[in-house]
C-alpha atoms as a PDB file:
ATOM      1  CA  MET A   1       4.982 -26.362 -28.857  1.00  0.00           C
ATOM      2  CA  GLN A   2       7.743 -24.063 -27.569  1.00  0.00           C
ATOM      3  CA  PRO A   3      11.022 -26.759 -27.308  1.00  0.00           C
ATOM      4  CA  GLY A   4      11.639 -27.572 -23.433  1.00  0.00           C
ATOM      5  CA  SER A   5       8.087 -27.333 -22.817  1.00  0.00           C
ATOM      6  CA  PRO A   6       6.692 -30.115 -20.861  1.00  0.00           C
ATOM      7  CA  ASP A   7       5.092 -33.474 -23.025  1.00  0.00           C
ATOM      8  CA  PRO A   8       3.378 -35.764 -20.448  1.00  0.00           C
ATOM      9  CA  SER A   9       1.684 -37.532 -22.931  1.00  0.00           C
ATOM     10  CA  PRO A  10       0.125 -37.275 -26.183  1.00  0.00           C
ATOM     11  CA  PRO A  11      -2.937 -34.754 -26.699  1.00  0.00           C
ATOM     12  CA  GLU A  12      -6.138 -36.231 -26.412  1.00  0.00           C
ATOM     13  CA  PRO A  13      -8.128 -35.318 -29.996  1.00  0.00           C
ATOM     14  CA  ARG A  14     -10.472 -32.368 -29.142  1.00  0.00           C
ATOM     15  CA  ALA A  15     -13.750 -31.635 -30.794  1.00  0.00           C
ATOM     16  CA  ALA A  16     -15.888 -28.620 -30.863  1.00  0.00           C
ATOM     17  CA  ASP A  17     -18.997 -30.661 -30.592  1.00  0.00           C
ATOM     18  CA  PRO A  18     -19.812 -29.770 -26.972  1.00  0.00           C
ATOM     19  CA  SER A  19     -21.572 -33.265 -26.785  1.00  0.00           C
ATOM     20  CA  ARG A  20     -19.012 -35.116 -25.940  1.00  0.00           C
ATOM     21  CA  TYR A  21     -18.917 -33.357 -22.720  1.00  0.00           C
ATOM     22  CA  GLY A  22     -21.892 -33.393 -19.847  1.00  0.00           C
ATOM     23  CA  ASP A  23     -24.230 -30.491 -19.299  1.00  0.00           C
ATOM     24  CA  VAL A  24     -23.291 -26.866 -18.246  1.00  0.00           C
ATOM     25  CA  LEU A  25     -21.236 -26.960 -14.862  1.00  0.00           C
ATOM     26  CA  LEU A  26     -20.755 -23.410 -15.015  1.00  0.00           C
ATOM     27  CA  SER A  27     -22.385 -20.221 -16.478  1.00  0.00           C
ATOM     28  CA  VAL A  28     -20.589 -16.974 -16.760  1.00  0.00           C
ATOM     29  CA  ARG A  29     -22.549 -13.687 -17.883  1.00  0.00           C
ATOM     30  CA  GLY A  30     -21.391 -10.192 -17.850  1.00  0.00           C
ATOM     31  CA  LEU A  31     -18.867 -10.887 -15.201  1.00  0.00           C
ATOM     32  CA  LYS A  32     -16.939  -7.693 -13.990  1.00  0.00           C
ATOM     33  CA  THR A  33     -14.419  -6.922 -11.161  1.00  0.00           C
ATOM     34  CA  TYR A  34     -13.196  -3.925 -10.598  1.00  0.00           C
ATOM     35  CA  PHE A  35     -10.718  -3.015  -7.968  1.00  0.00           C
ATOM     36  CA  PRO A  36     -11.313   0.601  -6.779  1.00  0.00           C
ATOM     37  CA  LEU A  37      -8.427   3.355  -6.249  1.00  0.00           C
ATOM     38  CA  GLY A  38      -8.024   6.773  -4.420  1.00  0.00           C
ATOM     39  CA  GLN A  39      -8.834  10.089  -5.958  1.00  0.00           C
ATOM     40  CA  GLY A  40      -6.689  11.069  -8.685  1.00  0.00           C
ATOM     41  CA  TRP A  41      -5.461  14.911  -9.101  1.00  0.00           C
ATOM     42  CA  THR A  42      -8.346  15.286 -11.167  1.00  0.00           C
ATOM     43  CA  GLY A  43     -11.055  14.270  -8.235  1.00  0.00           C
ATOM     44  CA  LYS A  44     -12.183  11.642 -10.191  1.00  0.00           C
ATOM     45  CA  ARG A  45     -12.036   8.302  -8.592  1.00  0.00           C
ATOM     46  CA  ASP A  46     -10.345   5.430 -10.206  1.00  0.00           C
ATOM     47  CA  PHE A  47     -11.157   2.189 -10.394  1.00  0.00           C
ATOM     48  CA  VAL A  48      -8.821  -0.912 -12.083  1.00  0.00           C
ATOM     49  CA  ARG A  49     -11.177  -2.684 -14.627  1.00  0.00           C
ATOM     50  CA  ALA A  50      -9.170  -6.205 -14.002  1.00  0.00           C
ATOM     51  CA  VAL A  51     -12.156  -7.878 -15.423  1.00  0.00           C
ATOM     52  CA  ASP A  52     -14.767  -5.858 -17.910  1.00  0.00           C
ATOM     53  CA  GLY A  53     -17.073  -7.823 -18.900  1.00  0.00           C
ATOM     54  CA  VAL A  54     -16.987 -12.216 -19.817  1.00  0.00           C
ATOM     55  CA  ASP A  55     -19.553 -14.709 -20.579  1.00  0.00           C
ATOM     56  CA  PHE A  56     -19.080 -18.087 -21.300  1.00  0.00           C
ATOM     57  CA  ASP A  57     -20.248 -21.811 -20.415  1.00  0.00           C
ATOM     58  CA  LEU A  58     -18.052 -24.602 -18.881  1.00  0.00           C
ATOM     59  CA  ARG A  59     -19.453 -27.940 -19.117  1.00  0.00           C
ATOM     60  CA  ARG A  60     -18.546 -30.991 -16.520  1.00  0.00           C
ATOM     61  CA  GLY A  61     -15.451 -32.533 -17.514  1.00  0.00           C
ATOM     62  CA  GLU A  62     -14.316 -30.020 -19.800  1.00  0.00           C
ATOM     63  CA  VAL A  63     -11.161 -27.864 -19.492  1.00  0.00           C
ATOM     64  CA  LEU A  64     -11.180 -23.792 -20.558  1.00  0.00           C
ATOM     65  CA  GLY A  65      -7.530 -22.497 -20.519  1.00  0.00           C
ATOM     66  CA  LEU A  66      -7.058 -18.643 -19.794  1.00  0.00           C
ATOM     67  CA  VAL A  67      -4.027 -17.585 -21.323  1.00  0.00           C
ATOM     68  CA  GLY A  68      -3.035 -13.703 -21.758  1.00  0.00           C
ATOM     69  CA  GLU A  69      -0.166 -11.526 -20.937  1.00  0.00           C
ATOM     70  CA  SER A  70       0.898 -10.683 -17.664  1.00  0.00           C
ATOM     71  CA  GLY A  71      -2.553  -7.914 -16.234  1.00  0.00           C
ATOM     72  CA  SER A  72      -4.761  -9.602 -18.825  1.00  0.00           C
ATOM     73  CA  GLY A  73      -7.442 -10.361 -15.783  1.00  0.00           C
ATOM     74  CA  LYS A  74      -6.947 -14.224 -15.990  1.00  0.00           C
ATOM     75  CA  THR A  75      -5.935 -14.836 -12.653  1.00  0.00           C
ATOM     76  CA  THR A  76      -8.733 -12.523 -11.294  1.00  0.00           C
ATOM     77  CA  LEU A  77     -11.094 -13.862 -13.483  1.00  0.00           C
ATOM     78  CA  GLY A  78     -10.449 -17.315 -11.850  1.00  0.00           C
ATOM     79  CA  ARG A  79     -10.369 -15.770  -8.195  1.00  0.00           C
ATOM     80  CA  SER A  80     -13.533 -13.855  -9.173  1.00  0.00           C
ATOM     81  CA  VAL A  81     -15.602 -17.858 -10.359  1.00  0.00           C
ATOM     82  CA  ALA A  82     -14.610 -18.975  -6.982  1.00  0.00           C
ATOM     83  CA  ARG A  83     -15.393 -15.796  -5.165  1.00  0.00           C
ATOM     84  CA  LEU A  84     -11.842 -15.547  -3.280  1.00  0.00           C
ATOM     85  CA  VAL A  85     -12.453 -11.907  -4.809  1.00  0.00           C
ATOM     86  CA  GLU A  86     -16.173 -10.203  -4.855  1.00  0.00           C
ATOM     87  CA  PRO A  87     -17.184  -9.401  -8.568  1.00  0.00           C
ATOM     88  CA  THR A  88     -18.313  -6.179  -9.039  1.00  0.00           C
ATOM     89  CA  ALA A  89     -21.002  -7.026 -11.445  1.00  0.00           C
ATOM     90  CA  GLY A  90     -22.224  -9.856 -13.705  1.00  0.00           C
ATOM     91  CA  SER A  91     -23.745 -13.271 -12.565  1.00  0.00           C
ATOM     92  CA  ILE A  92     -22.188 -16.439 -11.798  1.00  0.00           C
ATOM     93  CA  ARG A  93     -24.288 -19.705 -12.077  1.00  0.00           C
ATOM     94  CA  PHE A  94     -23.141 -23.110 -10.701  1.00  0.00           C
ATOM     95  CA  ASP A  95     -24.999 -26.462 -11.304  1.00  0.00           C
ATOM     96  CA  GLY A  96     -27.680 -24.079 -12.174  1.00  0.00           C
ATOM     97  CA  GLY A  97     -27.803 -22.208  -8.780  1.00  0.00           C
ATOM     98  CA  ASP A  98     -26.869 -18.495  -8.629  1.00  0.00           C
ATOM     99  CA  PHE A  99     -23.125 -18.827  -6.697  1.00  0.00           C
ATOM    100  CA  ARG A 100     -23.087 -14.750  -6.078  1.00  0.00           C
ATOM    101  CA  ARG A 101     -26.192 -15.197  -4.104  1.00  0.00           C
ATOM    102  CA  LEU A 102     -24.682 -17.480  -1.308  1.00  0.00           C
ATOM    103  CA  ALA A 103     -23.453 -16.593   1.924  1.00  0.00           C
ATOM    104  CA  GLY A 104     -21.976 -17.887   5.372  1.00  0.00           C
ATOM    105  CA  LYS A 105     -22.879 -21.842   5.885  1.00  0.00           C
ATOM    106  CA  GLU A 106     -24.374 -22.068   1.812  1.00  0.00           C
ATOM    107  CA  LEU A 107     -21.314 -20.607   0.395  1.00  0.00           C
ATOM    108  CA  ARG A 108     -19.027 -22.914   2.010  1.00  0.00           C
ATOM    109  CA  ARG A 109     -21.090 -26.072   1.013  1.00  0.00           C
ATOM    110  CA  ALA A 110     -20.948 -24.674  -2.317  1.00  0.00           C
ATOM    111  CA  ARG A 111     -17.028 -24.142  -2.167  1.00  0.00           C
ATOM    112  CA  ARG A 112     -16.647 -28.101  -1.207  1.00  0.00           C
ATOM    113  CA  ARG A 113     -17.908 -28.532  -5.270  1.00  0.00           C
ATOM    114  CA  LEU A 114     -15.446 -25.844  -6.229  1.00  0.00           C
ATOM    115  CA  GLN A 115     -11.850 -25.960  -5.412  1.00  0.00           C
ATOM    116  CA  ILE A 116      -8.493 -23.884  -6.375  1.00  0.00           C
ATOM    117  CA  VAL A 117      -4.936 -24.866  -6.742  1.00  0.00           C
ATOM    118  CA  PHE A 118      -2.956 -21.717  -6.413  1.00  0.00           C
ATOM    119  CA  GLN A 119       0.647 -20.557  -8.002  1.00  0.00           C
ATOM    120  CA  ASP A 120       2.150 -20.865  -4.734  1.00  0.00           C
ATOM    121  CA  PRO A 121       1.787 -23.672  -2.895  1.00  0.00           C
ATOM    122  CA  TYR A 122       4.145 -23.011  -0.503  1.00  0.00           C
ATOM    123  CA  ALA A 123       2.173 -19.374   0.480  1.00  0.00           C
ATOM    124  CA  SER A 124      -1.234 -21.460   0.878  1.00  0.00           C
ATOM    125  CA  LEU A 125      -0.062 -24.458   3.011  1.00  0.00           C
ATOM    126  CA  SER A 126       0.148 -23.793   6.589  1.00  0.00           C
ATOM    127  CA  PRO A 127       4.037 -23.905   7.698  1.00  0.00           C
ATOM    128  CA  ARG A 128       3.112 -24.714  11.313  1.00  0.00           C
ATOM    129  CA  MET A 129       1.181 -28.106   9.979  1.00  0.00           C
ATOM    130  CA  GLN A 130       1.990 -31.427   8.891  1.00  0.00           C
ATOM    131  CA  ILE A 131       1.521 -32.788   5.613  1.00  0.00           C
ATOM    132  CA  GLY A 132      -1.125 -35.066   6.844  1.00  0.00           C
ATOM    133  CA  GLN A 133      -2.937 -33.055   9.168  1.00  0.00           C
ATOM    134  CA  ILE A 134      -2.588 -30.235   5.918  1.00  0.00           C
ATOM    135  CA  VAL A 135      -4.788 -32.722   3.729  1.00  0.00           C
ATOM    136  CA  ALA A 136      -7.014 -33.875   6.740  1.00  0.00           C
ATOM    137  CA  GLU A 137      -8.088 -30.299   7.760  1.00  0.00           C
ATOM    138  CA  PRO A 138     -10.933 -29.904   4.941  1.00  0.00           C
ATOM    139  CA  LEU A 139     -11.644 -34.251   5.919  1.00  0.00           C
ATOM    140  CA  LYS A 140     -12.379 -32.927   9.282  1.00  0.00           C
ATOM    141  CA  LEU A 141     -13.855 -29.213   8.584  1.00  0.00           C
ATOM    142  CA  HIS A 142     -16.682 -31.126   6.332  1.00  0.00           C
ATOM    143  CA  ARG A 143     -16.640 -34.158   8.375  1.00  0.00           C
ATOM    144  CA  LEU A 144     -16.455 -35.939   5.354  1.00  0.00           C
ATOM    145  CA  VAL A 145     -14.659 -39.364   6.978  1.00  0.00           C
ATOM    146  CA  PRO A 146     -15.169 -40.803  10.421  1.00  0.00           C
ATOM    147  CA  PRO A 147     -12.010 -39.961  12.643  1.00  0.00           C
ATOM    148  CA  SER A 148     -10.791 -43.451  12.861  1.00  0.00           C
ATOM    149  CA  GLN A 149     -10.838 -43.290   8.900  1.00  0.00           C
ATOM    150  CA  THR A 150      -8.976 -39.946   8.761  1.00  0.00           C
ATOM    151  CA  LYS A 151      -5.217 -41.259   8.300  1.00  0.00           C
ATOM    152  CA  GLU A 152      -6.170 -43.872   5.659  1.00  0.00           C
ATOM    153  CA  LYS A 153      -8.120 -41.265   3.792  1.00  0.00           C
ATOM    154  CA  VAL A 154      -4.679 -38.993   3.591  1.00  0.00           C
ATOM    155  CA  LEU A 155      -3.060 -42.007   2.556  1.00  0.00           C
ATOM    156  CA  GLU A 156      -5.018 -42.511  -0.342  1.00  0.00           C
ATOM    157  CA  LEU A 157      -5.144 -38.841  -1.387  1.00  0.00           C
ATOM    158  CA  LEU A 158      -1.268 -38.775  -1.304  1.00  0.00           C
ATOM    159  CA  ASP A 159      -1.010 -41.868  -3.093  1.00  0.00           C
ATOM    160  CA  ARG A 160      -2.865 -40.318  -6.311  1.00  0.00           C
ATOM    161  CA  VAL A 161      -0.765 -36.740  -6.101  1.00  0.00           C
ATOM    162  CA  GLY A 162       2.471 -39.378  -5.967  1.00  0.00           C
ATOM    163  CA  ILE A 163       3.477 -38.825  -2.329  1.00  0.00           C
ATOM    164  CA  GLU A 164       5.270 -41.541  -0.338  1.00  0.00           C
ATOM    165  CA  PRO A 165       3.083 -42.425   3.183  1.00  0.00           C
ATOM    166  CA  TYR A 166       5.689 -41.403   4.854  1.00  0.00           C
ATOM    167  CA  PHE A 167       5.781 -37.596   4.108  1.00  0.00           C
ATOM    168  CA  ILE A 168       2.666 -36.936   6.276  1.00  0.00           C
ATOM    169  CA  TYR A 169       4.742 -36.025   9.332  1.00  0.00           C
ATOM    170  CA  ARG A 170       6.772 -33.783   7.253  1.00  0.00           C
ATOM    171  CA  TYR A 171       6.458 -30.096   7.327  1.00  0.00           C
ATOM    172  CA  PRO A 172       5.794 -27.592   3.521  1.00  0.00           C
ATOM    173  CA  HIS A 173       9.201 -26.310   4.253  1.00  0.00           C
ATOM    174  CA  GLU A 174      10.978 -30.213   4.129  1.00  0.00           C
ATOM    175  CA  MET A 175       9.474 -30.667   0.944  1.00  0.00           C
ATOM    176  CA  SER A 176      10.390 -29.369  -2.673  1.00  0.00           C
ATOM    177  CA  GLY A 177       8.525 -27.169  -5.106  1.00  0.00           C
ATOM    178  CA  GLY A 178       6.651 -29.996  -6.866  1.00  0.00           C
ATOM    179  CA  GLN A 179       6.004 -31.773  -3.707  1.00  0.00           C
ATOM    180  CA  ARG A 180       3.899 -29.213  -2.134  1.00  0.00           C
ATOM    181  CA  GLN A 181       2.023 -28.575  -5.279  1.00  0.00           C
ATOM    182  CA  ARG A 182       1.292 -32.278  -5.285  1.00  0.00           C
ATOM    183  CA  ILE A 183       0.188 -31.659  -1.617  1.00  0.00           C
ATOM    184  CA  ALA A 184      -2.190 -28.762  -2.266  1.00  0.00           C
ATOM    185  CA  ILE A 185      -3.612 -30.804  -5.232  1.00  0.00           C
ATOM    186  CA  ALA A 186      -4.386 -33.607  -2.835  1.00  0.00           C
ATOM    187  CA  ARG A 187      -5.685 -31.147  -0.359  1.00  0.00           C
ATOM    188  CA  ALA A 188      -8.385 -29.654  -3.289  1.00  0.00           C
ATOM    189  CA  LEU A 189      -8.957 -33.599  -3.919  1.00  0.00           C
ATOM    190  CA  ALA A 190     -10.004 -34.415  -0.376  1.00  0.00           C
ATOM    191  CA  LEU A 191     -13.658 -32.678  -1.056  1.00  0.00           C
ATOM    192  CA  GLN A 192     -14.190 -34.278  -4.306  1.00  0.00           C
ATOM    193  CA  PRO A 193     -14.492 -31.241  -6.324  1.00  0.00           C
ATOM    194  CA  GLU A 194     -16.704 -31.054  -9.607  1.00  0.00           C
ATOM    195  CA  LEU A 195     -14.675 -27.984 -10.112  1.00  0.00           C
ATOM    196  CA  ILE A 196     -10.775 -26.804 -10.108  1.00  0.00           C
ATOM    197  CA  VAL A 197      -9.359 -23.213 -10.867  1.00  0.00           C
ATOM    198  CA  ALA A 198      -5.777 -23.875 -11.597  1.00  0.00           C
ATOM    199  CA  ASP A 199      -4.067 -20.525 -11.020  1.00  0.00           C
ATOM    200  CA  GLU A 200      -0.539 -20.611 -12.870  1.00  0.00           C
ATOM    201  CA  PRO A 201      -0.247 -24.096 -11.029  1.00  0.00           C
ATOM    202  CA  VAL A 202       3.018 -24.917 -12.954  1.00  0.00           C
ATOM    203  CA  SER A 203       4.871 -21.771 -13.594  1.00  0.00           C
ATOM    204  CA  ALA A 204       7.038 -21.725 -11.078  1.00  0.00           C
ATOM    205  CA  LEU A 205       8.063 -25.119 -11.282  1.00  0.00           C
ATOM    206  CA  ASP A 206      11.176 -26.690 -13.378  1.00  0.00           C
ATOM    207  CA  VAL A 207      10.308 -28.332 -16.482  1.00  0.00           C
ATOM    208  CA  SER A 208      10.134 -31.919 -15.546  1.00  0.00           C
ATOM    209  CA  VAL A 209       8.394 -30.996 -12.681  1.00  0.00           C
ATOM    210  CA  GLN A 210       5.888 -29.320 -14.535  1.00  0.00           C
ATOM    211  CA  ALA A 211       5.463 -32.231 -16.591  1.00  0.00           C
ATOM    212  CA  GLN A 212       4.644 -34.503 -13.948  1.00  0.00           C
ATOM    213  CA  ILE A 213       1.983 -32.071 -12.609  1.00  0.00           C
ATOM    214  CA  LEU A 214       0.509 -31.518 -15.764  1.00  0.00           C
ATOM    215  CA  LYS A 215       0.114 -35.576 -15.295  1.00  0.00           C
ATOM    216  CA  ILE A 216      -1.954 -35.332 -12.728  1.00  0.00           C
ATOM    217  CA  PHE A 217      -4.131 -32.695 -13.790  1.00  0.00           C
ATOM    218  CA  LEU A 218      -4.245 -34.720 -17.385  1.00  0.00           C
ATOM    219  CA  GLY A 219      -5.472 -37.956 -14.999  1.00  0.00           C
ATOM    220  CA  LEU A 220      -7.931 -35.952 -13.025  1.00  0.00           C
ATOM    221  CA  LYS A 221      -9.848 -34.215 -16.395  1.00  0.00           C
ATOM    222  CA  ARG A 222      -9.595 -38.218 -17.694  1.00  0.00           C
ATOM    223  CA  THR A 223     -10.605 -40.527 -14.462  1.00  0.00           C
ATOM    224  CA  ASP A 224     -12.854 -38.072 -12.304  1.00  0.00           C
ATOM    225  CA  GLY A 225     -14.581 -35.902 -15.373  1.00  0.00           C
ATOM    226  CA  ILE A 226     -13.295 -32.761 -13.264  1.00  0.00           C
ATOM    227  CA  ALA A 227     -14.376 -29.611 -14.830  1.00  0.00           C
ATOM    228  CA  MET A 228     -10.857 -27.036 -15.156  1.00  0.00           C
ATOM    229  CA  LEU A 229     -10.630 -23.114 -15.658  1.00  0.00           C
ATOM    230  CA  PHE A 230      -6.684 -23.350 -15.989  1.00  0.00           C
ATOM    231  CA  VAL A 231      -4.687 -20.234 -16.532  1.00  0.00           C
ATOM    232  CA  SER A 232      -1.611 -20.032 -17.617  1.00  0.00           C
ATOM    233  CA  HIS A 233       0.877 -16.982 -19.759  1.00  0.00           C
ATOM    234  CA  ASP A 234       2.133 -19.822 -21.207  1.00  0.00           C
ATOM    235  CA  ILE A 235       0.020 -21.328 -24.486  1.00  0.00           C
ATOM    236  CA  GLY A 236       2.309 -24.642 -24.827  1.00  0.00           C
ATOM    237  CA  VAL A 237       1.597 -25.802 -21.694  1.00  0.00           C
ATOM    238  CA  VAL A 238      -1.963 -24.843 -21.917  1.00  0.00           C
ATOM    239  CA  GLU A 239      -2.026 -26.520 -25.389  1.00  0.00           C
ATOM    240  CA  ARG A 240      -1.390 -30.085 -23.376  1.00  0.00           C
ATOM    241  CA  ILE A 241      -4.235 -29.988 -20.836  1.00  0.00           C
ATOM    242  CA  ALA A 242      -6.937 -27.786 -22.515  1.00  0.00           C
ATOM    243  CA  ASP A 243     -10.373 -28.916 -24.859  1.00  0.00           C
ATOM    244  CA  ARG A 244     -10.916 -25.018 -25.163  1.00  0.00           C
ATOM    245  CA  ILE A 245      -8.664 -21.881 -24.742  1.00  0.00           C
ATOM    246  CA  ALA A 246      -9.665 -18.357 -24.224  1.00  0.00           C
ATOM    247  CA  VAL A 247      -7.425 -15.270 -24.667  1.00  0.00           C
ATOM    248  CA  MET A 248      -7.835 -12.906 -22.703  1.00  0.00           C
ATOM    249  CA  TYR A 249      -6.288  -9.235 -23.296  1.00  0.00           C
ATOM    250  CA  ARG A 250      -7.416  -5.959 -20.692  1.00  0.00           C
ATOM    251  CA  GLY A 251     -10.053  -7.876 -18.907  1.00  0.00           C
ATOM    252  CA  LEU A 252     -11.858  -9.354 -22.330  1.00  0.00           C
ATOM    253  CA  PHE A 253     -11.738 -12.233 -24.391  1.00  0.00           C
ATOM    254  CA  MET A 254     -10.341 -11.676 -27.494  1.00  0.00           C
ATOM    255  CA  GLU A 255     -10.697 -15.118 -29.036  1.00  0.00           C
ATOM    256  CA  GLU A 256     -12.375 -18.267 -27.965  1.00  0.00           C
ATOM    257  CA  ALA A 257     -12.228 -21.592 -29.527  1.00  0.00           C
ATOM    258  CA  PRO A 258     -11.781 -25.422 -29.508  1.00  0.00           C
ATOM    259  CA  THR A 259      -7.455 -25.736 -28.438  1.00  0.00           C
ATOM    260  CA  ASP A 260      -6.404 -27.169 -32.333  1.00  0.00           C
ATOM    261  CA  ARG A 261      -8.345 -24.769 -34.255  1.00  0.00           C
ATOM    262  CA  LEU A 262      -7.223 -22.051 -31.948  1.00  0.00           C
ATOM    263  CA  ILE A 263      -3.719 -23.252 -32.341  1.00  0.00           C
ATOM    264  CA  GLN A 264      -3.673 -23.959 -36.116  1.00  0.00           C
ATOM    265  CA  SER A 265      -6.172 -21.664 -37.205  1.00  0.00           C
ATOM    266  CA  PRO A 266      -5.926 -18.451 -35.077  1.00  0.00           C
ATOM    267  CA  LEU A 267      -7.894 -15.266 -35.951  1.00  0.00           C
ATOM    268  CA  HIS A 268      -7.174 -12.367 -33.959  1.00  0.00           C
ATOM    269  CA  PRO A 269      -3.991 -10.115 -34.379  1.00  0.00           C
ATOM    270  CA  TYR A 270      -3.422 -10.759 -30.377  1.00  0.00           C
ATOM    271  CA  THR A 271      -3.612 -14.529 -30.670  1.00  0.00           C
ATOM    272  CA  ARG A 272      -1.300 -14.888 -33.585  1.00  0.00           C
ATOM    273  CA  ALA A 273       1.243 -12.252 -31.971  1.00  0.00           C
ATOM    274  CA  LEU A 274       1.094 -14.760 -28.858  1.00  0.00           C
ATOM    275  CA  LEU A 275       1.482 -17.902 -31.043  1.00  0.00           C
ATOM    276  CA  ALA A 276       4.218 -16.276 -33.085  1.00  0.00           C
ATOM    277  CA  ALA A 277       6.260 -15.602 -30.021  1.00  0.00           C
ATOM    278  CA  VAL A 278       6.479 -19.350 -29.609  1.00  0.00           C
ATOM    279  CA  PRO A 279       8.527 -21.595 -31.744  1.00  0.00           C
ATOM    280  CA  GLY A 280       6.278 -24.103 -33.889  1.00  0.00           C
ATOM    281  CA  ALA A 281       3.181 -23.294 -32.304  1.00  0.00           C
ATOM    282  CA  GLY A 282       1.032 -24.252 -35.446  1.00  0.00           C
ATOM    283  CA  SER A 283       0.614 -21.881 -38.702  1.00  0.00           C
ATOM    284  CA  ALA A 284       1.058 -18.685 -36.692  1.00  0.00           C
ATOM    285  CA  GLY A 285       4.472 -18.814 -35.973  1.00  0.00           C
ATOM    286  CA  LYS A 286       4.676 -17.847 -39.847  1.00  0.00           C
ATOM    287  CA  GLN A 287       2.525 -14.766 -39.813  1.00  0.00           C
ATOM    288  CA  HIS A 288       4.687 -12.433 -38.043  1.00  0.00           C
ATOM    289  CA  VAL A 289       2.902 -10.686 -36.318  1.00  0.00           C
ATOM    290  CA  ARG A 290       4.549  -8.483 -33.533  1.00  0.00           C
ATOM    291  CA  VAL A 291       2.501  -6.220 -31.036  1.00  0.00           C
ATOM    292  CA  ARG A 292       4.225  -3.079 -30.070  1.00  0.00           C
ATOM    293  CA  GLY A 293       4.215  -0.900 -27.212  1.00  0.00           C
ATOM    294  CA  GLU A 294       2.707  -1.569 -23.867  1.00  0.00           C
ATOM    295  CA  PRO A 295      -1.183  -2.671 -22.928  1.00  0.00           C
ATOM    296  CA  PRO A 296      -3.321   0.418 -21.993  1.00  0.00           C
ATOM    297  CA  ARG A 297      -3.421   1.083 -18.516  1.00  0.00           C
ATOM    298  CA  ALA A 298      -6.511  -1.004 -17.164  1.00  0.00           C
ATOM    299  CA  THR A 299      -7.632   2.623 -15.408  1.00  0.00           C
ATOM    300  CA  GLU A 300      -8.419   4.032 -18.478  1.00  0.00           C
ATOM    301  CA  GLU A 301     -12.234   3.395 -19.863  1.00  0.00           C
ATOM    302  CA  LEU A 302     -12.494   1.634 -23.152  1.00  0.00           C
ATOM    303  CA  ARG A 303     -13.393   3.439 -26.500  1.00  0.00           C
ATOM    304  CA  GLY A 304     -12.833   1.051 -29.562  1.00  0.00           C
ATOM    305  CA  CYS A 305     -10.923  -2.384 -29.400  1.00  0.00           C
ATOM    306  CA  PRO A 306      -8.731  -2.282 -26.188  1.00  0.00           C
ATOM    307  CA  PHE A 307      -5.672  -3.649 -28.192  1.00  0.00           C
ATOM    308  CA  ALA A 308      -6.084  -1.301 -30.894  1.00  0.00           C
ATOM    309  CA  SER A 309      -3.378   0.939 -29.518  1.00  0.00           C
ATOM    310  CA  ARG A 310      -0.815  -1.884 -29.869  1.00  0.00           C
ATOM    311  CA  CYS A 311      -2.392  -3.945 -33.342  1.00  0.00           C
ATOM    312  CA  PRO A 312      -0.212  -3.647 -36.116  1.00  0.00           C
ATOM    313  CA  LEU A 313      -3.077  -3.948 -38.605  1.00  0.00           C
ATOM    314  CA  VAL A 314      -5.416  -1.603 -36.852  1.00  0.00           C
ATOM    315  CA  GLU A 315      -7.971   0.635 -38.838  1.00  0.00           C
ATOM    316  CA  GLN A 316     -10.158   3.550 -37.727  1.00  0.00           C
ATOM    317  CA  VAL A 317     -12.921   1.791 -36.863  1.00  0.00           C
ATOM    318  CA  CYS A 318     -11.016   0.013 -34.357  1.00  0.00           C
ATOM    319  CA  ARG A 319     -10.037   2.836 -32.701  1.00  0.00           C
ATOM    320  CA  GLU A 320     -13.604   4.320 -32.498  1.00  0.00           C
ATOM    321  CA  LEU A 321     -16.007   1.334 -32.254  1.00  0.00           C
ATOM    322  CA  THR A 322     -15.410  -1.896 -29.439  1.00  0.00           C
ATOM    323  CA  PRO A 323     -15.711  -4.863 -31.128  1.00  0.00           C
ATOM    324  CA  PRO A 324     -17.888  -7.843 -29.371  1.00  0.00           C
ATOM    325  CA  LEU A 325     -17.103 -11.451 -29.223  1.00  0.00           C
ATOM    326  CA  GLU A 326     -18.928 -13.204 -32.315  1.00  0.00           C
ATOM    327  CA  PRO A 327     -19.133 -16.556 -33.659  1.00  0.00           C
ATOM    328  CA  LYS A 328     -16.901 -16.817 -36.904  1.00  0.00           C
ATOM    329  CA  ALA A 329     -17.210 -20.364 -37.050  1.00  0.00           C
ATOM    330  CA  SER A 330     -18.271 -23.992 -35.185  1.00  0.00           C
ATOM    331  CA  GLY A 331     -17.555 -23.011 -31.538  1.00  0.00           C
ATOM    332  CA  HIS A 332     -14.774 -20.536 -32.396  1.00  0.00           C
ATOM    333  CA  HIS A 333     -15.576 -16.688 -31.429  1.00  0.00           C
ATOM    334  CA  VAL A 334     -13.336 -13.356 -31.907  1.00  0.00           C
ATOM    335  CA  ALA A 335     -13.428 -10.179 -31.097  1.00  0.00           C
ATOM    336  CA  CYS A 336     -12.345  -8.062 -33.799  1.00  0.00           C
ATOM    337  CA  HIS A 337     -13.624  -5.497 -36.924  1.00  0.00           C
ATOM    338  CA  LEU A 338     -10.933  -7.149 -39.386  1.00  0.00           C
ATOM    339  CA  VAL A 339     -12.043 -10.965 -39.286  1.00  0.00           C
ATOM    340  CA  ASP A 340     -14.947 -11.601 -41.827  1.00  0.00           C
END
C-alpha cells in the first residue's frame, strides 16, 4: 500500500468462494451509458461512451471496488446503477427485479434500499438545513418512524458515524469535510439500505480523516452486511475495503478478481501499470510496466483493445480484435489477448 495511505484496521481475509457472501443482490448485464454530443463538422452525431458494455454480479454483504484513471467510467457506472444517470442500454436487476423498468413511486420505494454517498458531501447537503433536519428528512419522507421518535432516531444515526448530539443544530458550512461526509453516511443509513454506491467518498479528505471514514464503511460491511460499489482512483484505498476489484478503462472492465489475487498477481498490463505507480503494492511494483500517451477520446468507436494505443506490450492482434473479459483462474477475469 502507498506510504501515507490510511490504515484503519487489518484487512479481512478474502476468498474467491462466493458462498462466503449472500445471494446475488445486484446483477448488471451489457450496461452502456452514452452521452450525446452535438454534430461535428462531418455532420455525424457523436457520443461520449462513458460505460461501453459492463457485466458483473454483486452479492449481499460484498464490496466491489471500481478503480481506474479519471475518465475511465467508474463514477458513471456507479451513478447508472443507482439510476441517477439513465443507462443507454443493458439490464440492471436488483434483488431479482428489473430496476430499469421502475418509475415513479415504485422507483422511489426501491431507492430506499439503494443509497449513494457522493465525493463532495458539501454539494449534496442543503446549506439551508440544520444537520438534524438533513438526517431526519428521509425518515419523514418515507414515514419510517413516528414523529415523536424522529429526534431519537437521528441521534442514534449520528452516534453511529461519530457525530456528537449537539451538532444537530449546526449547518453544513460549520462542519469540517470529514464531519460532512459522516453526516452524508448517516443520511444514507437512515433508510437501512442493502446497497451503497460510494463515489470517491474519501478522495477529498486528509489521510487521517480518510482512515476514520474508511473505518465507518468497514463497520457497515462487517456488522450490517451492506453490499457496496466502492469507487476510487486510489487502489491503495480500495485494497483496504474491497472483496473484489474491477479495473476500468474506457468504459470497460479490463480485469476483475478477488482483491488479494489482483494486488499480488495482476495479469492485465493496465492493472500492472496502475500498481507499479504505487510503491510497495504487491508484486506489480517490480514489473516496471509504464503506460504511454493519453487515453483515446471517449467519442471514438472501439476497434481492437481500448488500451492498445498505450500498451508497451501491444501486438497486431490487439489493434484488430477487442478482447472479451474471460476467466483465467477461479474468480479472475481478464480482457487481454496476451494473457494465456
